[in-house]
Amino acid sequence: MIKIAIDLGSSMTKIYRADSGNGIALAEPTCVAVSGIERTVKAVGKEAKKLVGKTAEFTQIVFPVHEGEIVDGKLAAEMLKEFLTRVGVQRSVLKRVQTVFAVPCGASNALLEDYALLAEECGLKKVLFVEAPYLAALGSDLVLSESNPVFTMDIGGGVTNVAVLTLGGIIAGLSMNLGGHNMDANIIEKMARQNGLNIGDLTAERIKNEIGSLSEKARASTVAQGSSVETFYPASIAVQSAEITDCIRVYIDKILEYAGMVLNQLPAEVAAAVNKNGLCLSGGVARIDGVAEYISKKTGMDVHVTDEPQFAVVSGGGMIARDGRLYNAFAKKYEN
């Protein structure tokens, strides 16, 4: 039987093949390029993202998942069907595929229905929904037990999931519509306001990934290319790490504010165990220089980051898809 896990993120979609030795088989932008009134699909994934900010009049770039919600089910299905083909899951076998879908912490039944409808549209029949904090913990190689609570924080492109959990369930947790995309938008706004340069989404994301840092020792720099706010002619400037620190820090601080709300719900014994065990940080934002150290300093807790934090959730999904004992233990109940 083919077994897969899907992390349908606002920024990236990742697919894990648990039935073979491939592991993570796909990681591509959650992005579709369409043309004309009929919205014919021209490209999906990385091919579509290359067109962001460069399309002609009759081509539109669509991000079918926004802040963890499926906002365009038709295009999300077209994109996912293509991704499944790319990882070797042909349409003729889809109804026999065992699938684990990552969903945000505390996902409502309405959101689960959207994911269920997407799965049905793609031809996936055997589907299990699991909240992202469980998957982040498993994908970060944490050992889950009934008596030892773990504290996870997964910061993605559009959604951050924060939870304290054990093998028996989530003790306290939430998802928030904050992540890397907010930082990109902040960088765009600051470049225009302080540097007089209009830049696009791809440039802002590149700047964040290349020189973004919360370390006081950061000295990296890069060149940002765009157009002058005043003349509209092409222009470029040098950007230093320190110039965009605030664009990142303001959202990390906001995430920590919400994380504090989660911690405030904990019984005293659980809080003591969490303080001892520390925080497991995952998601693409965890790769930004100095973020883990900054969070550790602000919380007074040890912060642990796995080698590839951007793949923690889908890797955890792969573990559940592969292990029959785990498959039903973490299922998120969906009433249709």
C-alpha atoms as a PDB file:
ATOM      1  CA  MET A   1       0.000   0.000   0.000  1.00  0.00           C
ATOM      2  CA  ILE A   2       1.161   3.512  -0.813  1.00  0.00           C
ATOM      3  CA  LYS A   3       1.483   5.614   2.351  1.00  0.00           C
ATOM      4  CA  ILE A   4       2.045   9.363   2.257  1.00  0.00           C
ATOM      5  CA  ALA A   5       1.984  12.411   4.501  1.00  0.00           C
ATOM      6  CA  ILE A   6       1.061  15.894   3.244  1.00  0.00           C
ATOM      7  CA  ASP A   7       1.912  19.222   4.847  1.00  0.00           C
ATOM      8  CA  LEU A   8      -0.169  21.688   2.831  1.00  0.00           C
ATOM      9  CA  GLY A   9       1.408  24.924   3.997  1.00  0.00           C
ATOM     10  CA  SER A  10       0.593  28.498   3.048  1.00  0.00           C
ATOM     11  CA  SER A  11       4.121  28.862   1.687  1.00  0.00           C
ATOM     12  CA  MET A  12       5.304  25.345   0.828  1.00  0.00           C
ATOM     13  CA  THR A  13       3.666  21.993   0.247  1.00  0.00           C
ATOM     14  CA  LYS A  14       5.654  18.958   1.342  1.00  0.00           C
ATOM     15  CA  ILE A  15       4.913  15.304   0.640  1.00  0.00           C
ATOM     16  CA  TYR A  16       6.518  12.336   2.394  1.00  0.00           C
ATOM     17  CA  ARG A  17       6.516   8.844   0.861  1.00  0.00           C
ATOM     18  CA  ALA A  18       6.390   6.469   3.831  1.00  0.00           C
ATOM     19  CA  ASP A  19       6.002   3.296   1.770  1.00  0.00           C
ATOM     20  CA  SER A  20       9.432   3.549   0.187  1.00  0.00           C
ATOM     21  CA  GLY A  21      12.912   4.701   1.098  1.00  0.00           C
ATOM     22  CA  ASN A  22      12.361   8.097  -0.494  1.00  0.00           C
ATOM     23  CA  GLY A  23      11.243   9.958   2.625  1.00  0.00           C
ATOM     24  CA  ILE A  24      10.536  13.586   1.715  1.00  0.00           C
ATOM     25  CA  ALA A  25       9.660  13.319  -1.963  1.00  0.00           C
ATOM     26  CA  LEU A  26       8.489  16.869  -2.684  1.00  0.00           C
ATOM     27  CA  ALA A  27       8.833  20.381  -1.283  1.00  0.00           C
ATOM     28  CA  GLU A  28       7.421  23.030  -3.600  1.00  0.00           C
ATOM     29  CA  PRO A  29       5.693  26.404  -3.280  1.00  0.00           C
ATOM     30  CA  THR A  30       1.945  26.282  -2.696  1.00  0.00           C
ATOM     31  CA  CYS A  31       1.404  28.314  -5.814  1.00  0.00           C
ATOM     32  CA  VAL A  32      -0.551  28.109  -9.098  1.00  0.00           C
ATOM     33  CA  ALA A  33      -0.314  30.213 -12.262  1.00  0.00           C
ATOM     34  CA  VAL A  34      -3.571  30.498 -14.212  1.00  0.00           C
ATOM     35  CA  SER A  35      -4.521  32.268 -17.429  1.00  0.00           C
ATOM     36  CA  GLY A  36      -7.653  33.708 -18.977  1.00  0.00           C
ATOM     37  CA  ILE A  37     -11.220  33.948 -17.773  1.00  0.00           C
ATOM     38  CA  GLU A  38     -11.399  30.164 -17.552  1.00  0.00           C
ATOM     39  CA  ARG A  39      -8.401  30.223 -15.174  1.00  0.00           C
ATOM     40  CA  THR A  40      -6.582  27.505 -17.055  1.00  0.00           C
ATOM     41  CA  VAL A  41      -3.661  26.161 -15.034  1.00  0.00           C
ATOM     42  CA  LYS A  42      -0.355  27.078 -16.670  1.00  0.00           C
ATOM     43  CA  ALA A  43       2.075  26.031 -13.941  1.00  0.00           C
ATOM     44  CA  VAL A  44       2.165  24.873 -10.336  1.00  0.00           C
ATOM     45  CA  GLY A  45       4.793  24.832  -7.616  1.00  0.00           C
ATOM     46  CA  LYS A  46       8.244  26.195  -8.284  1.00  0.00           C
ATOM     47  CA  GLU A  47       7.438  26.896 -11.950  1.00  0.00           C
ATOM     48  CA  ALA A  48       4.497  29.074 -10.898  1.00  0.00           C
ATOM     49  CA  LYS A  49       6.428  30.893  -8.190  1.00  0.00           C
ATOM     50  CA  LYS A  50       9.092  31.951 -10.694  1.00  0.00           C
ATOM     51  CA  LEU A  51       6.341  34.028 -12.339  1.00  0.00           C
ATOM     52  CA  VAL A  52       5.406  35.999  -9.196  1.00  0.00           C
ATOM     53  CA  GLY A  53       5.583  39.705 -10.033  1.00  0.00           C
ATOM     54  CA  LYS A  54       6.426  38.987 -13.683  1.00  0.00           C
ATOM     55  CA  THR A  55       3.116  37.944 -15.204  1.00  0.00           C
ATOM     56  CA  ALA A  56       1.454  39.476 -18.244  1.00  0.00           C
ATOM     57  CA  GLU A  57      -2.065  40.865 -18.325  1.00  0.00           C
ATOM     58  CA  PHE A  58      -3.938  37.591 -18.648  1.00  0.00           C
ATOM     59  CA  THR A  59      -1.899  35.504 -16.215  1.00  0.00           C
ATOM     60  CA  GLN A  60      -2.636  35.413 -12.513  1.00  0.00           C
ATOM     61  CA  ILE A  61      -0.657  33.902  -9.641  1.00  0.00           C
ATOM     62  CA  VAL A  62      -2.867  32.228  -7.026  1.00  0.00           C
ATOM     63  CA  PHE A  63      -1.909  30.972  -3.568  1.00  0.00           C
ATOM     64  CA  PRO A  64      -4.754  28.530  -2.853  1.00  0.00           C
ATOM     65  CA  VAL A  65      -3.875  28.132   0.831  1.00  0.00           C
ATOM     66  CA  HIS A  66      -3.774  31.232   3.016  1.00  0.00           C
ATOM     67  CA  GLU A  67      -2.969  31.237   6.720  1.00  0.00           C
ATOM     68  CA  GLY A  68      -3.748  27.536   6.979  1.00  0.00           C
ATOM     69  CA  GLU A  69      -7.118  27.774   5.226  1.00  0.00           C
ATOM     70  CA  ILE A  70      -7.964  26.447   1.771  1.00  0.00           C
ATOM     71  CA  VAL A  71      -9.205  29.594   0.023  1.00  0.00           C
ATOM     72  CA  ASP A  72      -9.442  28.148  -3.505  1.00  0.00           C
ATOM     73  CA  GLY A  73     -10.430  24.497  -3.351  1.00  0.00           C
ATOM     74  CA  LYS A  74     -10.472  23.953  -7.120  1.00  0.00           C
ATOM     75  CA  LEU A  75      -6.937  25.201  -7.691  1.00  0.00           C
ATOM     76  CA  ALA A  76      -5.681  23.561  -4.501  1.00  0.00           C
ATOM     77  CA  ALA A  77      -6.926  20.238  -5.882  1.00  0.00           C
ATOM     78  CA  GLU A  78      -5.374  20.810  -9.319  1.00  0.00           C
ATOM     79  CA  MET A  79      -2.075  21.667  -7.669  1.00  0.00           C
ATOM     80  CA  LEU A  80      -2.110  18.725  -5.270  1.00  0.00           C
ATOM     81  CA  LYS A  81      -3.005  16.241  -8.010  1.00  0.00           C
ATOM     82  CA  GLU A  82       0.010  17.427  -9.977  1.00  0.00           C
ATOM     83  CA  PHE A  83       2.237  17.164  -6.906  1.00  0.00           C
ATOM     84  CA  LEU A  84       1.023  13.612  -6.268  1.00  0.00           C
ATOM     85  CA  THR A  85       1.898  12.687  -9.846  1.00  0.00           C
ATOM     86  CA  ARG A  86       5.363  14.164  -9.347  1.00  0.00           C
ATOM     87  CA  VAL A  87       6.015  11.867  -6.368  1.00  0.00           C
ATOM     88  CA  GLY A  88       4.930   8.809  -8.324  1.00  0.00           C
ATOM     89  CA  VAL A  89       1.343   8.468  -7.061  1.00  0.00           C
ATOM     90  CA  GLN A  90      -0.665   7.893 -10.211  1.00  0.00           C
ATOM     91  CA  ARG A  91      -4.371   8.729 -10.363  1.00  0.00           C
ATOM     92  CA  SER A  92      -5.320   5.099 -10.920  1.00  0.00           C
ATOM     93  CA  VAL A  93      -4.174   4.160  -7.382  1.00  0.00           C
ATOM     94  CA  LEU A  94      -5.301   7.245  -5.437  1.00  0.00           C
ATOM     95  CA  LYS A  95      -8.262   5.578  -3.723  1.00  0.00           C
ATOM     96  CA  ARG A  96      -5.922   2.989  -2.201  1.00  0.00           C
ATOM     97  CA  VAL A  97      -3.434   5.551  -0.880  1.00  0.00           C
ATOM     98  CA  GLN A  98      -3.229   5.923   2.909  1.00  0.00           C
ATOM     99  CA  THR A  99      -2.807   9.639   3.606  1.00  0.00           C
ATOM    100  CA  VAL A 100      -1.930  11.677   6.691  1.00  0.00           C
ATOM    101  CA  PHE A 101      -2.808  15.381   6.414  1.00  0.00           C
ATOM    102  CA  ALA A 102      -1.248  17.920   8.768  1.00  0.00           C
ATOM    103  CA  VAL A 103      -3.806  20.450  10.033  1.00  0.00           C
ATOM    104  CA  PRO A 104      -3.424  23.485  12.326  1.00  0.00           C
ATOM    105  CA  CYS A 105      -3.682  23.084  16.091  1.00  0.00           C
ATOM    106  CA  GLY A 106      -7.302  23.244  17.176  1.00  0.00           C
ATOM    107  CA  ALA A 107      -8.606  22.908  13.614  1.00  0.00           C
ATOM    108  CA  SER A 108     -12.372  23.371  13.525  1.00  0.00           C
ATOM    109  CA  ASN A 109     -14.711  20.848  11.969  1.00  0.00           C
ATOM    110  CA  ALA A 110     -15.365  23.357   9.165  1.00  0.00           C
ATOM    111  CA  LEU A 111     -11.643  23.481   8.354  1.00  0.00           C
ATOM    112  CA  LEU A 112     -11.411  19.695   8.463  1.00  0.00           C
ATOM    113  CA  GLU A 113     -14.341  19.550   6.060  1.00  0.00           C
ATOM    114  CA  ASP A 114     -12.408  21.749   3.622  1.00  0.00           C
ATOM    115  CA  TYR A 115      -9.439  19.383   3.829  1.00  0.00           C
ATOM    116  CA  ALA A 116     -11.753  16.375   3.433  1.00  0.00           C
ATOM    117  CA  LEU A 117     -13.341  17.904   0.336  1.00  0.00           C
ATOM    118  CA  LEU A 118      -9.877  18.587  -1.082  1.00  0.00           C
ATOM    119  CA  ALA A 119      -8.851  14.984  -0.470  1.00  0.00           C
ATOM    120  CA  GLU A 120     -12.053  13.753  -2.120  1.00  0.00           C
ATOM    121  CA  GLU A 121     -11.508  16.008  -5.131  1.00  0.00           C
ATOM    122  CA  CYS A 122      -8.010  14.554  -5.503  1.00  0.00           C
ATOM    123  CA  GLY A 123      -9.360  10.993  -5.256  1.00  0.00           C
ATOM    124  CA  LEU A 124      -7.832  10.266  -1.844  1.00  0.00           C
ATOM    125  CA  LYS A 125     -10.182   8.010   0.154  1.00  0.00           C
ATOM    126  CA  LYS A 126      -8.176   6.823   3.178  1.00  0.00           C
ATOM    127  CA  VAL A 127      -7.395  10.073   4.957  1.00  0.00           C
ATOM    128  CA  LEU A 128      -6.367  10.885   8.515  1.00  0.00           C
ATOM    129  CA  PHE A 129      -6.013  14.386   9.958  1.00  0.00           C
ATOM    130  CA  VAL A 130      -3.379  15.085  12.605  1.00  0.00           C
ATOM    131  CA  GLU A 131      -2.698  18.410  14.319  1.00  0.00           C
ATOM    132  CA  ALA A 132       0.660  19.927  13.458  1.00  0.00           C
ATOM    133  CA  PRO A 133       2.116  20.045  17.016  1.00  0.00           C
ATOM    134  CA  TYR A 134       2.068  16.233  17.253  1.00  0.00           C
ATOM    135  CA  LEU A 135       3.802  15.923  13.906  1.00  0.00           C
ATOM    136  CA  ALA A 136       6.375  18.607  14.740  1.00  0.00           C
ATOM    137  CA  ALA A 137       7.235  16.769  17.945  1.00  0.00           C
ATOM    138  CA  LEU A 138       7.586  13.388  16.227  1.00  0.00           C
ATOM    139  CA  GLY A 139       9.514  14.890  13.308  1.00  0.00           C
ATOM    140  CA  SER A 140      11.916  16.524  15.762  1.00  0.00           C
ATOM    141  CA  ASP A 141      12.629  13.113  17.331  1.00  0.00           C
ATOM    142  CA  LEU A 142      10.944  13.933  20.624  1.00  0.00           C
ATOM    143  CA  VAL A 143       9.812  10.986  22.720  1.00  0.00           C
ATOM    144  CA  LEU A 144       6.137  11.308  23.581  1.00  0.00           C
ATOM    145  CA  SER A 145       4.762   9.708  26.719  1.00  0.00           C
ATOM    146  CA  GLU A 146       1.728  10.062  28.963  1.00  0.00           C
ATOM    147  CA  SER A 147       3.699  11.651  31.802  1.00  0.00           C
ATOM    148  CA  ASN A 148       6.328  13.839  30.149  1.00  0.00           C
ATOM    149  CA  PRO A 149       4.845  16.944  28.461  1.00  0.00           C
ATOM    150  CA  VAL A 150       6.666  18.600  25.569  1.00  0.00           C
ATOM    151  CA  PHE A 151       6.414  22.201  24.371  1.00  0.00           C
ATOM    152  CA  THR A 152       6.456  22.703  20.596  1.00  0.00           C
ATOM    153  CA  MET A 153       6.465  25.836  18.449  1.00  0.00           C
ATOM    154  CA  ASP A 154       6.285  25.477  14.671  1.00  0.00           C
ATOM    155  CA  ILE A 155       6.635  28.787  12.776  1.00  0.00           C
ATOM    156  CA  GLY A 156       5.705  28.447   9.108  1.00  0.00           C
ATOM    157  CA  GLY A 157       4.997  30.874   6.307  1.00  0.00           C
ATOM    158  CA  GLY A 158       1.421  31.738   7.233  1.00  0.00           C
ATOM    159  CA  VAL A 159       0.646  29.825  10.429  1.00  0.00           C
ATOM    160  CA  THR A 160       2.390  29.271  13.752  1.00  0.00           C
ATOM    161  CA  ASN A 161       1.332  26.338  15.940  1.00  0.00           C
ATOM    162  CA  VAL A 162       2.145  26.375  19.649  1.00  0.00           C
ATOM    163  CA  ALA A 163       1.212  23.546  22.012  1.00  0.00           C
ATOM    164  CA  VAL A 164       2.105  21.637  25.139  1.00  0.00           C
ATOM    165  CA  LEU A 165       1.248  17.991  24.652  1.00  0.00           C
ATOM    166  CA  THR A 166       1.737  14.428  25.796  1.00  0.00           C
ATOM    167  CA  LEU A 167       0.992  11.089  24.186  1.00  0.00           C
ATOM    168  CA  GLY A 168      -2.506  11.438  25.649  1.00  0.00           C
ATOM    169  CA  GLY A 169      -3.362  14.712  23.965  1.00  0.00           C
ATOM    170  CA  ILE A 170      -2.802  18.458  23.728  1.00  0.00           C
ATOM    171  CA  ILE A 171      -2.910  20.038  27.186  1.00  0.00           C
ATOM    172  CA  ALA A 172      -2.950  23.595  25.849  1.00  0.00           C
ATOM    173  CA  GLY A 173      -2.327  24.934  22.380  1.00  0.00           C
ATOM    174  CA  LEU A 174      -3.350  27.246  19.575  1.00  0.00           C
ATOM    175  CA  SER A 175      -2.592  28.248  16.018  1.00  0.00           C
ATOM    176  CA  MET A 176      -2.133  31.855  14.927  1.00  0.00           C
ATOM    177  CA  ASN A 177      -2.042  33.555  11.545  1.00  0.00           C
ATOM    178  CA  LEU A 178       1.532  34.760  11.944  1.00  0.00           C
ATOM    179  CA  GLY A 179       4.693  33.611  10.210  1.00  0.00           C
ATOM    180  CA  GLY A 180       7.306  34.265   7.592  1.00  0.00           C
ATOM    181  CA  HIS A 181       4.920  35.990   5.175  1.00  0.00           C
ATOM    182  CA  ASN A 182       4.286  38.751   7.715  1.00  0.00           C
ATOM    183  CA  MET A 183       8.032  39.324   7.939  1.00  0.00           C
ATOM    184  CA  ASP A 184       8.311  39.523   4.144  1.00  0.00           C
ATOM    185  CA  ALA A 185       5.524  42.116   3.989  1.00  0.00           C
ATOM    186  CA  ASN A 186       7.223  44.129   6.717  1.00  0.00           C
ATOM    187  CA  ILE A 187      10.502  44.106   4.786  1.00  0.00           C
ATOM    188  CA  ILE A 188       8.708  45.359   1.651  1.00  0.00           C
ATOM    189  CA  GLU A 189       7.120  48.202   3.600  1.00  0.00           C
ATOM    190  CA  LYS A 190      10.380  49.203   5.277  1.00  0.00           C
ATOM    191  CA  MET A 191      12.382  49.195   2.044  1.00  0.00           C
ATOM    192  CA  ALA A 192       9.860  51.579   0.510  1.00  0.00           C
ATOM    193  CA  ARG A 193       9.565  53.841   3.534  1.00  0.00           C
ATOM    194  CA  GLN A 194      13.204  54.126   4.591  1.00  0.00           C
ATOM    195  CA  ASN A 195      15.140  53.306   1.449  1.00  0.00           C
ATOM    196  CA  GLY A 196      12.821  54.591  -1.266  1.00  0.00           C
ATOM    197  CA  LEU A 197      12.880  51.228  -3.050  1.00  0.00           C
ATOM    198  CA  ASN A 198       9.877  49.193  -4.156  1.00  0.00           C
ATOM    199  CA  ILE A 199      10.651  45.468  -4.036  1.00  0.00           C
ATOM    200  CA  GLY A 200       8.566  42.380  -4.720  1.00  0.00           C
ATOM    201  CA  ASP A 201       7.580  39.400  -2.610  1.00  0.00           C
ATOM    202  CA  LEU A 202      10.341  37.162  -3.954  1.00  0.00           C
ATOM    203  CA  THR A 203      13.007  39.759  -3.228  1.00  0.00           C
ATOM    204  CA  ALA A 204      11.727  40.303   0.311  1.00  0.00           C
ATOM    205  CA  GLU A 205      11.736  36.559   0.954  1.00  0.00           C
ATOM    206  CA  ARG A 206      15.271  36.257  -0.412  1.00  0.00           C
ATOM    207  CA  ILE A 207      16.503  39.108   1.775  1.00  0.00           C
ATOM    208  CA  LYS A 208      14.954  37.507   4.858  1.00  0.00           C
ATOM    209  CA  ASN A 209      16.445  34.099   4.105  1.00  0.00           C
ATOM    210  CA  GLU A 210      19.884  35.381   3.115  1.00  0.00           C
ATOM    211  CA  ILE A 211      20.629  38.015   5.753  1.00  0.00           C
ATOM    212  CA  GLY A 212      17.730  37.935   8.221  1.00  0.00           C
ATOM    213  CA  SER A 213      19.052  37.644  11.762  1.00  0.00           C
ATOM    214  CA  LEU A 214      18.213  38.360  15.383  1.00  0.00           C
ATOM    215  CA  SER A 215      21.836  38.013  16.410  1.00  0.00           C
ATOM    216  CA  GLU A 216      23.560  41.141  17.695  1.00  0.00           C
ATOM    217  CA  LYS A 217      26.706  40.006  15.866  1.00  0.00           C
ATOM    218  CA  ALA A 218      25.080  39.751  12.428  1.00  0.00           C
ATOM    219  CA  ARG A 219      26.986  41.657   9.755  1.00  0.00           C
ATOM    220  CA  ALA A 220      25.694  40.085   6.544  1.00  0.00           C
ATOM    221  CA  SER A 221      24.560  42.158   3.586  1.00  0.00           C
ATOM    222  CA  THR A 222      22.938  41.694   0.197  1.00  0.00           C
ATOM    223  CA  VAL A 223      21.733  43.752  -2.740  1.00  0.00           C
ATOM    224  CA  ALA A 224      18.015  44.482  -3.158  1.00  0.00           C
ATOM    225  CA  GLN A 225      16.802  45.261  -6.657  1.00  0.00           C
ATOM    226  CA  GLY A 226      13.522  46.924  -7.488  1.00  0.00           C
ATOM    227  CA  SER A 227      12.259  50.313  -8.586  1.00  0.00           C
ATOM    228  CA  SER A 228      12.658  53.791  -7.147  1.00  0.00           C
ATOM    229  CA  VAL A 229       9.658  55.057  -5.178  1.00  0.00           C
ATOM    230  CA  GLU A 230      10.205  58.532  -6.647  1.00  0.00           C
ATOM    231  CA  THR A 231      11.167  57.920 -10.264  1.00  0.00           C
ATOM    232  CA  PHE A 232       9.808  54.368 -10.819  1.00  0.00           C
ATOM    233  CA  TYR A 233      13.044  53.571 -12.675  1.00  0.00           C
ATOM    234  CA  PRO A 234      14.940  50.364 -11.852  1.00  0.00           C
ATOM    235  CA  ALA A 235      17.167  50.807  -8.823  1.00  0.00           C
ATOM    236  CA  SER A 236      19.165  48.775  -6.320  1.00  0.00           C
ATOM    237  CA  ILE A 237      20.600  49.291  -2.845  1.00  0.00           C
ATOM    238  CA  ALA A 238      22.774  47.413  -0.371  1.00  0.00           C
ATOM    239  CA  VAL A 239      20.855  46.075   2.633  1.00  0.00           C
ATOM    240  CA  GLN A 240      22.451  45.163   5.971  1.00  0.00           C
ATOM    241  CA  SER A 241      21.154  42.534   8.409  1.00  0.00           C
ATOM    242  CA  ALA A 242      20.575  45.154  11.087  1.00  0.00           C
ATOM    243  CA  GLU A 243      18.166  47.019   8.803  1.00  0.00           C
ATOM    244  CA  ILE A 244      15.632  44.207   8.760  1.00  0.00           C
ATOM    245  CA  THR A 245      16.057  42.913  12.317  1.00  0.00           C
ATOM    246  CA  ASP A 246      12.952  44.745  13.511  1.00  0.00           C
ATOM    247  CA  CYS A 247      10.920  43.292  10.616  1.00  0.00           C
ATOM    248  CA  ILE A 248      11.548  39.825  12.028  1.00  0.00           C
ATOM    249  CA  ARG A 249      11.657  40.557  15.748  1.00  0.00           C
ATOM    250  CA  VAL A 250       8.243  42.237  15.920  1.00  0.00           C
ATOM    251  CA  TYR A 251       6.545  39.008  14.788  1.00  0.00           C
ATOM    252  CA  ILE A 252       8.655  36.726  16.962  1.00  0.00           C
ATOM    253  CA  ASP A 253       7.659  38.903  19.930  1.00  0.00           C
ATOM    254  CA  LYS A 254       3.999  38.622  18.949  1.00  0.00           C
ATOM    255  CA  ILE A 255       4.287  34.836  18.648  1.00  0.00           C
ATOM    256  CA  LEU A 256       5.915  34.683  22.087  1.00  0.00           C
ATOM    257  CA  GLU A 257       3.056  36.751  23.482  1.00  0.00           C
ATOM    258  CA  TYR A 258       0.591  34.108  22.312  1.00  0.00           C
ATOM    259  CA  ALA A 259       2.894  31.331  23.509  1.00  0.00           C
ATOM    260  CA  GLY A 260       2.746  32.920  26.952  1.00  0.00           C
ATOM    261  CA  MET A 261      -1.040  32.562  26.847  1.00  0.00           C
ATOM    262  CA  VAL A 262      -0.606  28.826  26.230  1.00  0.00           C
ATOM    263  CA  LEU A 263       1.851  28.458  29.103  1.00  0.00           C
ATOM    264  CA  ASN A 264      -0.442  30.381  31.449  1.00  0.00           C
ATOM    265  CA  GLN A 265      -3.069  27.652  31.012  1.00  0.00           C
ATOM    266  CA  LEU A 266      -0.819  24.903  32.342  1.00  0.00           C
ATOM    267  CA  PRO A 267      -1.181  23.251  35.753  1.00  0.00           C
ATOM    268  CA  ALA A 268       1.826  23.879  37.983  1.00  0.00           C
ATOM    269  CA  GLU A 269       3.318  20.390  37.609  1.00  0.00           C
ATOM    270  CA  VAL A 270       3.058  20.522  33.837  1.00  0.00           C
ATOM    271  CA  ALA A 271       4.637  23.994  33.767  1.00  0.00           C
ATOM    272  CA  ALA A 272       7.547  22.719  35.864  1.00  0.00           C
ATOM    273  CA  ALA A 273       8.133  19.806  33.474  1.00  0.00           C
ATOM    274  CA  VAL A 274       7.963  22.113  30.435  1.00  0.00           C
ATOM    275  CA  ASN A 275      10.488  24.480  31.993  1.00  0.00           C
ATOM    276  CA  LYS A 276      12.828  21.549  32.590  1.00  0.00           C
ATOM    277  CA  ASN A 277      12.421  20.012  29.131  1.00  0.00           C
ATOM    278  CA  GLY A 278      12.587  23.264  27.166  1.00  0.00           C
ATOM    279  CA  LEU A 279      11.036  24.255  23.852  1.00  0.00           C
ATOM    280  CA  CYS A 280      11.164  22.366  20.561  1.00  0.00           C
ATOM    281  CA  LEU A 281      11.307  24.923  17.729  1.00  0.00           C
ATOM    282  CA  SER A 282      10.515  23.961  14.134  1.00  0.00           C
ATOM    283  CA  GLY A 283       9.258  25.449  10.883  1.00  0.00           C
ATOM    284  CA  GLY A 284      11.060  27.416   8.186  1.00  0.00           C
ATOM    285  CA  VAL A 285      11.487  30.540  10.359  1.00  0.00           C
ATOM    286  CA  ALA A 286      13.534  28.463  12.814  1.00  0.00           C
ATOM    287  CA  ARG A 287      16.349  28.526  10.240  1.00  0.00           C
ATOM    288  CA  ILE A 288      16.763  32.309  10.504  1.00  0.00           C
ATOM    289  CA  ASP A 289      19.998  33.167  12.257  1.00  0.00           C
ATOM    290  CA  GLY A 290      19.614  34.008  15.938  1.00  0.00           C
ATOM    291  CA  VAL A 291      15.890  33.199  16.223  1.00  0.00           C
ATOM    292  CA  ALA A 292      16.383  30.190  18.514  1.00  0.00           C
ATOM    293  CA  GLU A 293      18.812  32.106  20.726  1.00  0.00           C
ATOM    294  CA  TYR A 294      16.472  35.100  20.891  1.00  0.00           C
ATOM    295  CA  ILE A 295      13.516  32.921  21.908  1.00  0.00           C
ATOM    296  CA  SER A 296      15.657  31.188  24.526  1.00  0.00           C
ATOM    297  CA  LYS A 297      16.687  34.533  25.994  1.00  0.00           C
ATOM    298  CA  LYS A 298      13.117  35.885  26.030  1.00  0.00           C
ATOM    299  CA  THR A 299      11.588  32.758  27.583  1.00  0.00           C
ATOM    300  CA  GLY A 300      14.453  31.683  29.830  1.00  0.00           C
ATOM    301  CA  MET A 301      14.107  28.161  28.401  1.00  0.00           C
ATOM    302  CA  ASP A 302      16.404  25.857  26.475  1.00  0.00           C
ATOM    303  CA  VAL A 303      15.404  25.830  22.809  1.00  0.00           C
ATOM    304  CA  HIS A 304      16.029  22.735  20.689  1.00  0.00           C
ATOM    305  CA  VAL A 305      16.037  22.907  16.878  1.00  0.00           C
ATOM    306  CA  THR A 306      16.242  19.821  14.678  1.00  0.00           C
ATOM    307  CA  ASP A 307      18.640  19.745  11.719  1.00  0.00           C
ATOM    308  CA  GLU A 308      15.955  20.505   9.124  1.00  0.00           C
ATOM    309  CA  PRO A 309      13.182  22.234  11.077  1.00  0.00           C
ATOM    310  CA  GLN A 310      11.241  23.127   7.911  1.00  0.00           C
ATOM    311  CA  PHE A 311      10.531  19.416   7.376  1.00  0.00           C
ATOM    312  CA  ALA A 312       9.647  18.466  10.964  1.00  0.00           C
ATOM    313  CA  VAL A 313       5.863  18.409  10.439  1.00  0.00           C
ATOM    314  CA  VAL A 314       5.852  16.347   7.241  1.00  0.00           C
ATOM    315  CA  SER A 315       8.505  14.007   8.661  1.00  0.00           C
ATOM    316  CA  GLY A 316       6.292  13.418  11.689  1.00  0.00           C
ATOM    317  CA  GLY A 317       3.431  12.711   9.321  1.00  0.00           C
ATOM    318  CA  GLY A 318       5.612  10.172   7.559  1.00  0.00           C
ATOM    319  CA  MET A 319       6.286   8.422  10.863  1.00  0.00           C
ATOM    320  CA  ILE A 320       2.564   8.129  11.582  1.00  0.00           C
ATOM    321  CA  ALA A 321       1.810   6.935   8.049  1.00  0.00           C
ATOM    322  CA  ARG A 322       4.509   4.272   8.357  1.00  0.00           C
ATOM    323  CA  ASP A 323       3.717   3.042  11.887  1.00  0.00           C
ATOM    324  CA  GLY A 324       0.359   1.313  12.241  1.00  0.00           C
ATOM    325  CA  ARG A 325       0.445   1.712  16.041  1.00  0.00           C
ATOM    326  CA  LEU A 326       0.595   5.493  15.694  1.00  0.00           C
ATOM    327  CA  TYR A 327      -1.810   5.794  12.779  1.00  0.00           C
ATOM    328  CA  ASN A 328      -5.024   6.029  14.800  1.00  0.00           C
ATOM    329  CA  ALA A 329      -3.565   7.309  18.070  1.00  0.00           C
ATOM    330  CA  PHE A 330      -3.297  10.920  16.875  1.00  0.00           C
ATOM    331  CA  ALA A 331      -6.328  11.201  14.615  1.00  0.00           C
ATOM    332  CA  LYS A 332      -8.246  14.473  14.744  1.00  0.00           C
ATOM    333  CA  LYS A 333     -11.945  13.604  14.859  1.00  0.00           C
ATOM    334  CA  TYR A 334     -13.938  14.881  11.908  1.00  0.00           C
ATOM    335  CA  GLU A 335     -17.741  14.687  11.843  1.00  0.00           C
ATOM    336  CA  ASN A 336     -19.151  14.739   8.333  1.00  0.00           C
END
